[in-house]
């Protein structure tokens, strides 16, 4: 469960990244890192945060025309995807 006070920070960051991605028309690779230790004072991996930040942005980025690769890190979990034709291939999952 998210800690009180963290939700408004995440929503603010998500809104900024959404606006930035909306303006990027020719981007081909994105490496998005959510370093939650700066917010929460300790490294974190939690399924709810992955689903809200990692999974959500991964799906959004996969839908962008021209996107060829995505690396998303949430806390201590990293997922790397590369487009091969019309399919997305998971290249690497690193769990610390």
PDB file of N, CA and C in Angstrom:
ATOM      1  N   UNK A   1       0.836  -1.175   0.000  1.00  0.00           N
ATOM      2  CA  UNK A   1       0.000   0.000   0.000  1.00  0.00           C
ATOM      3  C   UNK A   1       0.889   1.250   0.000  1.00  0.00           C
ATOM      4  N   UNK A   2       0.469   2.250  -0.717  1.00  0.00           N
ATOM      5  CA  UNK A   2       1.244   3.494  -0.768  1.00  0.00           C
ATOM      6  C   UNK A   2       1.149   4.243   0.549  1.00  0.00           C
ATOM      7  N   UNK A   3       2.218   4.916   0.882  1.00  0.00           N
ATOM      8  CA  UNK A   3       2.220   5.717   2.090  1.00  0.00           C
ATOM      9  C   UNK A   3       1.443   6.998   1.859  1.00  0.00           C
ATOM     10  N   UNK A   4       0.834   7.517   2.931  1.00  0.00           N
ATOM     11  CA  UNK A   4       0.140   8.791   2.841  1.00  0.00           C
ATOM     12  C   UNK A   4       1.091   9.861   2.344  1.00  0.00           C
ATOM     13  N   UNK A   5       0.659  10.693   1.462  1.00  0.00           N
ATOM     14  CA  UNK A   5       1.493  11.783   0.971  1.00  0.00           C
ATOM     15  C   UNK A   5       2.247  11.446  -0.300  1.00  0.00           C
ATOM     16  N   UNK A   6       2.453  10.171  -0.576  1.00  0.00           N
ATOM     17  CA  UNK A   6       3.200   9.784  -1.771  1.00  0.00           C
ATOM     18  C   UNK A   6       2.337   9.914  -3.019  1.00  0.00           C
ATOM     19  N   UNK A   7       1.048   9.681  -2.884  1.00  0.00           N
ATOM     20  CA  UNK A   7       0.151   9.701  -4.039  1.00  0.00           C
ATOM     21  C   UNK A   7       0.183  11.028  -4.791  1.00  0.00           C
ATOM     22  N   UNK A   8       0.132  12.154  -4.093  1.00  0.00           N
ATOM     23  CA  UNK A   8       0.120  13.438  -4.804  1.00  0.00           C
ATOM     24  C   UNK A   8       1.437  13.683  -5.520  1.00  0.00           C
ATOM     25  N   UNK A   9       2.562  13.215  -4.971  1.00  0.00           N
ATOM     26  CA  UNK A   9       3.856  13.359  -5.645  1.00  0.00           C
ATOM     27  C   UNK A   9       3.878  12.535  -6.921  1.00  0.00           C
ATOM     28  N   UNK A  10       3.416  11.311  -6.843  1.00  0.00           N
ATOM     29  CA  UNK A  10       3.394  10.442  -8.019  1.00  0.00           C
ATOM     30  C   UNK A  10       2.504  11.047  -9.096  1.00  0.00           C
ATOM     31  N   UNK A  11       1.334  11.530  -8.723  1.00  0.00           N
ATOM     32  CA  UNK A  11       0.430  12.130  -9.716  1.00  0.00           C
ATOM     33  C   UNK A  11       1.071  13.341 -10.390  1.00  0.00           C
ATOM     34  N   UNK A  12       1.797  14.134  -9.632  1.00  0.00           N
ATOM     35  CA  UNK A  12       2.466  15.306 -10.214  1.00  0.00           C
ATOM     36  C   UNK A  12       3.555  14.880 -11.196  1.00  0.00           C
ATOM     37  N   UNK A  13       4.354  13.881 -10.818  1.00  0.00           N
ATOM     38  CA  UNK A  13       5.398  13.379 -11.718  1.00  0.00           C
ATOM     39  C   UNK A  13       4.794  12.752 -12.968  1.00  0.00           C
ATOM     40  N   UNK A  14       3.748  11.963 -12.792  1.00  0.00           N
ATOM     41  CA  UNK A  14       3.096  11.320 -13.932  1.00  0.00           C
ATOM     42  C   UNK A  14       2.570  12.378 -14.902  1.00  0.00           C
ATOM     43  N   UNK A  15       1.960  13.416 -14.400  1.00  0.00           N
ATOM     44  CA  UNK A  15       1.434  14.479 -15.265  1.00  0.00           C
ATOM     45  C   UNK A  15       2.553  15.146 -16.055  1.00  0.00           C
ATOM     46  N   UNK A  16       3.688  15.389 -15.417  1.00  0.00           N
ATOM     47  CA  UNK A  16       4.815  16.006 -16.128  1.00  0.00           C
ATOM     48  C   UNK A  16       5.368  15.093 -17.212  1.00  0.00           C
ATOM     49  N   UNK A  17       5.527  13.837 -16.889  1.00  0.00           N
ATOM     50  CA  UNK A  17       6.062  12.889 -17.878  1.00  0.00           C
ATOM     51  C   UNK A  17       5.077  12.696 -19.017  1.00  0.00           C
ATOM     52  N   UNK A  18       3.796  12.617 -18.687  1.00  0.00           N
ATOM     53  CA  UNK A  18       2.762  12.513 -19.724  1.00  0.00           C
ATOM     54  C   UNK A  18       2.853  13.686 -20.696  1.00  0.00           C
ATOM     55  N   UNK A  19       2.978  14.887 -20.182  1.00  0.00           N
ATOM     56  CA  UNK A  19       3.071  16.077 -21.036  1.00  0.00           C
ATOM     57  C   UNK A  19       4.318  16.019 -21.908  1.00  0.00           C
ATOM     58  N   UNK A  20       5.425  15.619 -21.319  1.00  0.00           N
ATOM     59  CA  UNK A  20       6.674  15.511 -22.073  1.00  0.00           C
ATOM     60  C   UNK A  20       6.560  14.468 -23.182  1.00  0.00           C
ATOM     61  N   UNK A  21       6.049  13.293 -22.862  1.00  0.00           N
ATOM     62  CA  UNK A  21       5.908  12.232 -23.869  1.00  0.00           C
ATOM     63  C   UNK A  21       4.942  12.633 -24.976  1.00  0.00           C
ATOM     64  N   UNK A  22       3.924  13.390 -24.617  1.00  0.00           N
ATOM     65  CA  UNK A  22       2.966  13.850 -25.618  1.00  0.00           C
ATOM     66  C   UNK A  22       3.596  14.758 -26.663  1.00  0.00           C
ATOM     67  N   UNK A  23       4.640  15.482 -26.273  1.00  0.00           N
ATOM     68  CA  UNK A  23       5.320  16.388 -27.216  1.00  0.00           C
ATOM     69  C   UNK A  23       6.417  15.691 -28.019  1.00  0.00           C
ATOM     70  N   UNK A  24       6.810  14.510 -27.605  1.00  0.00           N
ATOM     71  CA  UNK A  24       7.896  13.788 -28.287  1.00  0.00           C
ATOM     72  C   UNK A  24       7.319  12.939 -29.417  1.00  0.00           C
ATOM     73  N   UNK A  25       7.460  13.428 -30.621  1.00  0.00           N
ATOM     74  CA  UNK A  25       6.882  12.734 -31.760  1.00  0.00           C
ATOM     75  C   UNK A  25       7.850  11.760 -32.424  1.00  0.00           C
ATOM     76  N   UNK A  26       9.128  11.971 -32.283  1.00  0.00           N
ATOM     77  CA  UNK A  26      10.103  11.135 -32.995  1.00  0.00           C
ATOM     78  C   UNK A  26      10.956  10.274 -32.076  1.00  0.00           C
ATOM     79  N   UNK A  27      10.598  10.183 -30.830  1.00  0.00           N
ATOM     80  CA  UNK A  27      11.390   9.400 -29.890  1.00  0.00           C
ATOM     81  C   UNK A  27      11.333   7.916 -30.270  1.00  0.00           C
ATOM     82  N   UNK A  28      12.493   7.248 -30.187  1.00  0.00           N
ATOM     83  CA  UNK A  28      12.571   5.828 -30.549  1.00  0.00           C
ATOM     84  C   UNK A  28      12.905   4.941 -29.354  1.00  0.00           C
ATOM     85  N   UNK A  29      13.657   5.476 -28.404  1.00  0.00           N
ATOM     86  CA  UNK A  29      14.038   4.735 -27.199  1.00  0.00           C
ATOM     87  C   UNK A  29      13.745   5.589 -25.981  1.00  0.00           C
ATOM     88  N   UNK A  30      13.224   4.972 -24.932  1.00  0.00           N
ATOM     89  CA  UNK A  30      12.979   5.671 -23.673  1.00  0.00           C
ATOM     90  C   UNK A  30      13.517   4.808 -22.537  1.00  0.00           C
ATOM     91  N   UNK A  31      14.244   5.449 -21.646  1.00  0.00           N
ATOM     92  CA  UNK A  31      14.663   4.813 -20.398  1.00  0.00           C
ATOM     93  C   UNK A  31      14.092   5.673 -19.277  1.00  0.00           C
ATOM     94  N   UNK A  32      13.056   5.164 -18.644  1.00  0.00           N
ATOM     95  CA  UNK A  32      12.348   5.895 -17.603  1.00  0.00           C
ATOM     96  C   UNK A  32      12.708   5.278 -16.255  1.00  0.00           C
ATOM     97  N   UNK A  33      13.252   6.081 -15.376  1.00  0.00           N
ATOM     98  CA  UNK A  33      13.681   5.594 -14.067  1.00  0.00           C
ATOM     99  C   UNK A  33      12.901   6.319 -12.978  1.00  0.00           C
ATOM    100  N   UNK A  34      12.192   5.555 -12.180  1.00  0.00           N
ATOM    101  CA  UNK A  34      11.521   6.087 -11.007  1.00  0.00           C
ATOM    102  C   UNK A  34      12.407   5.748  -9.818  1.00  0.00           C
ATOM    103  N   UNK A  35      13.201   6.698  -9.374  1.00  0.00           N
ATOM    104  CA  UNK A  35      14.078   6.492  -8.220  1.00  0.00           C
ATOM    105  C   UNK A  35      13.304   6.871  -6.964  1.00  0.00           C
ATOM    106  N   UNK A  36      12.606   5.902  -6.427  1.00  0.00           N
ATOM    107  CA  UNK A  36      11.719   6.149  -5.304  1.00  0.00           C
ATOM    108  C   UNK A  36      12.464   6.367  -3.998  1.00  0.00           C
ATOM    109  N   UNK A  37      13.738   6.040  -3.979  1.00  0.00           N
ATOM    110  CA  UNK A  37      14.497   6.228  -2.741  1.00  0.00           C
ATOM    111  C   UNK A  37      14.621   7.710  -2.383  1.00  0.00           C
ATOM    112  N   UNK A  38      14.572   8.588  -3.377  1.00  0.00           N
ATOM    113  CA  UNK A  38      14.658  10.022  -3.081  1.00  0.00           C
ATOM    114  C   UNK A  38      13.369  10.535  -2.461  1.00  0.00           C
ATOM    115  N   UNK A  39      12.276   9.879  -2.762  1.00  0.00           N
ATOM    116  CA  UNK A  39      10.984  10.269  -2.196  1.00  0.00           C
ATOM    117  C   UNK A  39      10.781   9.612  -0.832  1.00  0.00           C
ATOM    118  N   UNK A  40      11.117   8.331  -0.757  1.00  0.00           N
ATOM    119  CA  UNK A  40      10.760   7.553   0.418  1.00  0.00           C
ATOM    120  C   UNK A  40      11.942   7.267   1.338  1.00  0.00           C
ATOM    121  N   UNK A  41      13.126   7.711   0.967  1.00  0.00           N
ATOM    122  CA  UNK A  41      14.320   7.583   1.795  1.00  0.00           C
ATOM    123  C   UNK A  41      14.882   6.165   1.880  1.00  0.00           C
ATOM    124  N   UNK A  42      14.354   5.233   1.132  1.00  0.00           N
ATOM    125  CA  UNK A  42      14.952   3.908   1.058  1.00  0.00           C
ATOM    126  C   UNK A  42      14.570   3.276  -0.282  1.00  0.00           C
ATOM    127  N   UNK A  43      15.402   2.368  -0.804  1.00  0.00           N
ATOM    128  CA  UNK A  43      15.072   1.709  -2.073  1.00  0.00           C
ATOM    129  C   UNK A  43      13.823   0.859  -1.910  1.00  0.00           C
ATOM    130  N   UNK A  44      13.022   0.825  -2.941  1.00  0.00           N
ATOM    131  CA  UNK A  44      11.728   0.170  -2.818  1.00  0.00           C
ATOM    132  C   UNK A  44      11.384  -0.572  -4.097  1.00  0.00           C
ATOM    133  N   UNK A  45      10.803  -1.725  -3.948  1.00  0.00           N
ATOM    134  CA  UNK A  45      10.074  -2.363  -5.044  1.00  0.00           C
ATOM    135  C   UNK A  45       8.792  -2.849  -4.436  1.00  0.00           C
ATOM    136  N   UNK A  46       7.724  -2.534  -5.072  1.00  0.00           N
ATOM    137  CA  UNK A  46       6.430  -2.963  -4.578  1.00  0.00           C
ATOM    138  C   UNK A  46       5.525  -3.125  -5.785  1.00  0.00           C
ATOM    139  N   UNK A  47       4.744  -4.191  -5.782  1.00  0.00           N
ATOM    140  CA  UNK A  47       3.931  -4.554  -6.945  1.00  0.00           C
ATOM    141  C   UNK A  47       2.967  -3.438  -7.344  1.00  0.00           C
ATOM    142  N   UNK A  48       2.364  -2.790  -6.380  1.00  0.00           N
ATOM    143  CA  UNK A  48       1.408  -1.734  -6.699  1.00  0.00           C
ATOM    144  C   UNK A  48       2.091  -0.574  -7.419  1.00  0.00           C
ATOM    145  N   UNK A  49       3.272  -0.183  -6.952  1.00  0.00           N
ATOM    146  CA  UNK A  49       3.995   0.892  -7.623  1.00  0.00           C
ATOM    147  C   UNK A  49       4.439   0.480  -9.017  1.00  0.00           C
ATOM    148  N   UNK A  50       4.864  -0.776  -9.180  1.00  0.00           N
ATOM    149  CA  UNK A  50       5.239  -1.252 -10.515  1.00  0.00           C
ATOM    150  C   UNK A  50       4.048  -1.158 -11.454  1.00  0.00           C
ATOM    151  N   UNK A  51       2.880  -1.621 -11.007  1.00  0.00           N
ATOM    152  CA  UNK A  51       1.692  -1.595 -11.856  1.00  0.00           C
ATOM    153  C   UNK A  51       1.275  -0.164 -12.188  1.00  0.00           C
ATOM    154  N   UNK A  52       1.396   0.738 -11.248  1.00  0.00           N
ATOM    155  CA  UNK A  52       0.963   2.123 -11.471  1.00  0.00           C
ATOM    156  C   UNK A  52       1.963   2.940 -12.270  1.00  0.00           C
ATOM    157  N   UNK A  53       3.248   2.683 -12.098  1.00  0.00           N
ATOM    158  CA  UNK A  53       4.268   3.503 -12.757  1.00  0.00           C
ATOM    159  C   UNK A  53       4.954   2.764 -13.898  1.00  0.00           C
ATOM    160  N   UNK A  54       5.367   1.546 -13.670  1.00  0.00           N
ATOM    161  CA  UNK A  54       6.086   0.797 -14.695  1.00  0.00           C
ATOM    162  C   UNK A  54       5.176   0.274 -15.781  1.00  0.00           C
ATOM    163  N   UNK A  55       4.216  -0.517 -15.391  1.00  0.00           N
ATOM    164  CA  UNK A  55       3.306  -1.163 -16.350  1.00  0.00           C
ATOM    165  C   UNK A  55       2.512  -0.124 -17.136  1.00  0.00           C
ATOM    166  N   UNK A  56       2.001   0.904 -16.449  1.00  0.00           N
ATOM    167  CA  UNK A  56       1.178   1.897 -17.106  1.00  0.00           C
ATOM    168  C   UNK A  56       1.960   2.653 -18.177  1.00  0.00           C
ATOM    169  N   UNK A  57       3.183   3.103 -17.836  1.00  0.00           N
ATOM    170  CA  UNK A  57       3.984   3.829 -18.817  1.00  0.00           C
ATOM    171  C   UNK A  57       4.484   2.910 -19.917  1.00  0.00           C
ATOM    172  N   UNK A  58       4.769   1.660 -19.601  1.00  0.00           N
ATOM    173  CA  UNK A  58       5.205   0.724 -20.630  1.00  0.00           C
ATOM    174  C   UNK A  58       4.116   0.580 -21.698  1.00  0.00           C
ATOM    175  N   UNK A  59       2.881   0.398 -21.276  1.00  0.00           N
ATOM    176  CA  UNK A  59       1.782   0.263 -22.241  1.00  0.00           C
ATOM    177  C   UNK A  59       1.608   1.544 -23.051  1.00  0.00           C
ATOM    178  N   UNK A  60       1.709   2.668 -22.409  1.00  0.00           N
ATOM    179  CA  UNK A  60       1.580   3.960 -23.105  1.00  0.00           C
ATOM    180  C   UNK A  60       2.676   4.137 -24.146  1.00  0.00           C
ATOM    181  N   UNK A  61       3.915   3.805 -23.779  1.00  0.00           N
ATOM    182  CA  UNK A  61       5.044   3.965 -24.702  1.00  0.00           C
ATOM    183  C   UNK A  61       4.981   2.970 -25.851  1.00  0.00           C
ATOM    184  N   UNK A  62       4.515   1.767 -25.596  1.00  0.00           N
ATOM    185  CA  UNK A  62       4.398   0.765 -26.668  1.00  0.00           C
ATOM    186  C   UNK A  62       3.452   1.242 -27.771  1.00  0.00           C
ATOM    187  N   UNK A  63       2.511   2.106 -27.429  1.00  0.00           N
ATOM    188  CA  UNK A  63       1.554   2.604 -28.403  1.00  0.00           C
ATOM    189  C   UNK A  63       2.051   3.765 -29.240  1.00  0.00           C
ATOM    190  N   UNK A  64       3.217   4.323 -28.916  1.00  0.00           N
ATOM    191  CA  UNK A  64       3.727   5.462 -29.672  1.00  0.00           C
ATOM    192  C   UNK A  64       4.352   4.994 -30.987  1.00  0.00           C
ATOM    193  N   UNK A  65       3.995   5.658 -32.056  1.00  0.00           N
ATOM    194  CA  UNK A  65       4.555   5.343 -33.368  1.00  0.00           C
ATOM    195  C   UNK A  65       6.058   5.581 -33.359  1.00  0.00           C
ATOM    196  N   UNK A  66       6.802   4.667 -33.935  1.00  0.00           N
ATOM    197  CA  UNK A  66       8.242   4.821 -34.042  1.00  0.00           C
ATOM    198  C   UNK A  66       9.031   4.310 -32.843  1.00  0.00           C
ATOM    199  N   UNK A  67       8.349   3.990 -31.751  1.00  0.00           N
ATOM    200  CA  UNK A  67       9.043   3.519 -30.559  1.00  0.00           C
ATOM    201  C   UNK A  67       9.684   2.156 -30.846  1.00  0.00           C
ATOM    202  N   UNK A  68      10.975   2.038 -30.534  1.00  0.00           N
ATOM    203  CA  UNK A  68      11.723   0.803 -30.785  1.00  0.00           C
ATOM    204  C   UNK A  68      12.179   0.093 -29.518  1.00  0.00           C
ATOM    205  N   UNK A  69      12.335   0.840 -28.433  1.00  0.00           N
ATOM    206  CA  UNK A  69      12.806   0.215 -27.210  1.00  0.00           C
ATOM    207  C   UNK A  69      12.380   0.983 -25.977  1.00  0.00           C
ATOM    208  N   UNK A  70      12.143   0.227 -24.913  1.00  0.00           N
ATOM    209  CA  UNK A  70      11.689   0.812 -23.658  1.00  0.00           C
ATOM    210  C   UNK A  70      12.442   0.132 -22.521  1.00  0.00           C
ATOM    211  N   UNK A  71      12.968   0.938 -21.628  1.00  0.00           N
ATOM    212  CA  UNK A  71      13.522   0.415 -20.388  1.00  0.00           C
ATOM    213  C   UNK A  71      12.853   1.204 -19.270  1.00  0.00           C
ATOM    214  N   UNK A  72      12.208   0.491 -18.360  1.00  0.00           N
ATOM    215  CA  UNK A  72      11.540   1.154 -17.252  1.00  0.00           C
ATOM    216  C   UNK A  72      12.053   0.557 -15.953  1.00  0.00           C
ATOM    217  N   UNK A  73      12.443   1.440 -15.047  1.00  0.00           N
ATOM    218  CA  UNK A  73      12.900   1.030 -13.731  1.00  0.00           C
ATOM    219  C   UNK A  73      12.009   1.676 -12.687  1.00  0.00           C
ATOM    220  N   UNK A  74      11.472   0.848 -11.813  1.00  0.00           N
ATOM    221  CA  UNK A  74      10.690   1.328 -10.678  1.00  0.00           C
ATOM    222  C   UNK A  74      11.334   0.742  -9.436  1.00  0.00           C
ATOM    223  N   UNK A  75      11.891   1.618  -8.618  1.00  0.00           N
ATOM    224  CA  UNK A  75      12.585   1.121  -7.435  1.00  0.00           C
ATOM    225  C   UNK A  75      13.731   0.215  -7.849  1.00  0.00           C
ATOM    226  N   UNK A  76      13.635  -1.051  -7.492  1.00  0.00           N
ATOM    227  CA  UNK A  76      14.704  -1.992  -7.811  1.00  0.00           C
ATOM    228  C   UNK A  76      14.319  -2.972  -8.921  1.00  0.00           C
ATOM    229  N   UNK A  77      13.259  -2.711  -9.643  1.00  0.00           N
ATOM    230  CA  UNK A  77      12.862  -3.592 -10.745  1.00  0.00           C
ATOM    231  C   UNK A  77      13.054  -2.882 -12.065  1.00  0.00           C
ATOM    232  N   UNK A  78      13.680  -3.583 -13.016  1.00  0.00           N
ATOM    233  CA  UNK A  78      13.907  -3.036 -14.349  1.00  0.00           C
ATOM    234  C   UNK A  78      13.369  -4.001 -15.393  1.00  0.00           C
ATOM    235  N   UNK A  79      12.663  -3.460 -16.372  1.00  0.00           N
ATOM    236  CA  UNK A  79      12.143  -4.248 -17.490  1.00  0.00           C
ATOM    237  C   UNK A  79      12.606  -3.584 -18.776  1.00  0.00           C
ATOM    238  N   UNK A  80      13.161  -4.382 -19.683  1.00  0.00           N
ATOM    239  CA  UNK A  80      13.644  -3.879 -20.968  1.00  0.00           C
ATOM    240  C   UNK A  80      12.889  -4.595 -22.088  1.00  0.00           C
ATOM    241  N   UNK A  81      12.334  -3.810 -23.001  1.00  0.00           N
ATOM    242  CA  UNK A  81      11.601  -4.342 -24.151  1.00  0.00           C
ATOM    243  C   UNK A  81      12.156  -3.749 -25.435  1.00  0.00           C
ATOM    244  N   UNK A  82      12.193  -4.580 -26.482  1.00  0.00           N
ATOM    245  CA  UNK A  82      12.588  -4.099 -27.809  1.00  0.00           C
ATOM    246  C   UNK A  82      11.547  -4.549 -28.817  1.00  0.00           C
ATOM    247  N   UNK A  83      11.266  -3.665 -29.774  1.00  0.00           N
ATOM    248  CA  UNK A  83      10.302  -3.999 -30.824  1.00  0.00           C
ATOM    249  C   UNK A  83      11.009  -4.756 -31.936  1.00  0.00           C
ATOM    250  N   UNK A  84      10.446  -5.866 -32.319  1.00  0.00           N
ATOM    251  CA  UNK A  84      10.897  -6.652 -33.471  1.00  0.00           C
ATOM    252  C   UNK A  84       9.688  -6.819 -34.378  1.00  0.00           C
ATOM    253  N   UNK A  85       9.653  -6.026 -35.434  1.00  0.00           N
ATOM    254  CA  UNK A  85       8.475  -6.028 -36.305  1.00  0.00           C
ATOM    255  C   UNK A  85       7.300  -5.412 -35.562  1.00  0.00           C
ATOM    256  N   UNK A  86       6.228  -6.192 -35.417  1.00  0.00           N
ATOM    257  CA  UNK A  86       5.051  -5.689 -34.694  1.00  0.00           C
ATOM    258  C   UNK A  86       5.005  -6.195 -33.252  1.00  0.00           C
ATOM    259  N   UNK A  87       5.939  -7.052 -32.874  1.00  0.00           N
ATOM    260  CA  UNK A  87       5.939  -7.625 -31.533  1.00  0.00           C
ATOM    261  C   UNK A  87       6.956  -6.937 -30.629  1.00  0.00           C
ATOM    262  N   UNK A  88       6.670  -6.961 -29.356  1.00  0.00           N
ATOM    263  CA  UNK A  88       7.589  -6.475 -28.332  1.00  0.00           C
ATOM    264  C   UNK A  88       8.211  -7.676 -27.655  1.00  0.00           C
ATOM    265  N   UNK A  89       9.538  -7.697 -27.609  1.00  0.00           N
ATOM    266  CA  UNK A  89      10.286  -8.803 -27.019  1.00  0.00           C
ATOM    267  C   UNK A  89      10.902  -8.331 -25.697  1.00  0.00           C
ATOM    268  N   UNK A  90      10.665  -9.113 -24.649  1.00  0.00           N
ATOM    269  CA  UNK A  90      11.280  -8.807 -23.366  1.00  0.00           C
ATOM    270  C   UNK A  90      12.708  -9.309 -23.403  1.00  0.00           C
ATOM    271  N   UNK A  91      13.650  -8.389 -23.266  1.00  0.00           N
ATOM    272  CA  UNK A  91      15.063  -8.725 -23.373  1.00  0.00           C
ATOM    273  C   UNK A  91      15.709  -9.019 -22.037  1.00  0.00           C
ATOM    274  N   UNK A  92      15.213  -8.398 -21.016  1.00  0.00           N
ATOM    275  CA  UNK A  92      15.920  -8.501 -19.746  1.00  0.00           C
ATOM    276  C   UNK A  92      14.997  -8.049 -18.617  1.00  0.00           C
ATOM    277  N   UNK A  93      14.941  -8.836 -17.588  1.00  0.00           N
ATOM    278  CA  UNK A  93      14.243  -8.423 -16.370  1.00  0.00           C
ATOM    279  C   UNK A  93      15.248  -8.592 -15.242  1.00  0.00           C
ATOM    280  N   UNK A  94      15.505  -7.532 -14.543  1.00  0.00           N
ATOM    281  CA  UNK A  94      16.473  -7.581 -13.452  1.00  0.00           C
ATOM    282  C   UNK A  94      15.744  -7.271 -12.162  1.00  0.00           C
ATOM    283  N   UNK A  95      15.762  -8.200 -11.251  1.00  0.00           N
ATOM    284  CA  UNK A  95      15.213  -7.976  -9.912  1.00  0.00           C
ATOM    285  C   UNK A  95      16.364  -8.053  -8.929  1.00  0.00           C
ATOM    286  N   UNK A  96      16.526  -7.041  -8.145  1.00  0.00           N
ATOM    287  CA  UNK A  96      17.616  -7.004  -7.174  1.00  0.00           C
ATOM    288  C   UNK A  96      17.176  -7.589  -5.861  1.00  0.00           C
TER     289      UNK A  96
END
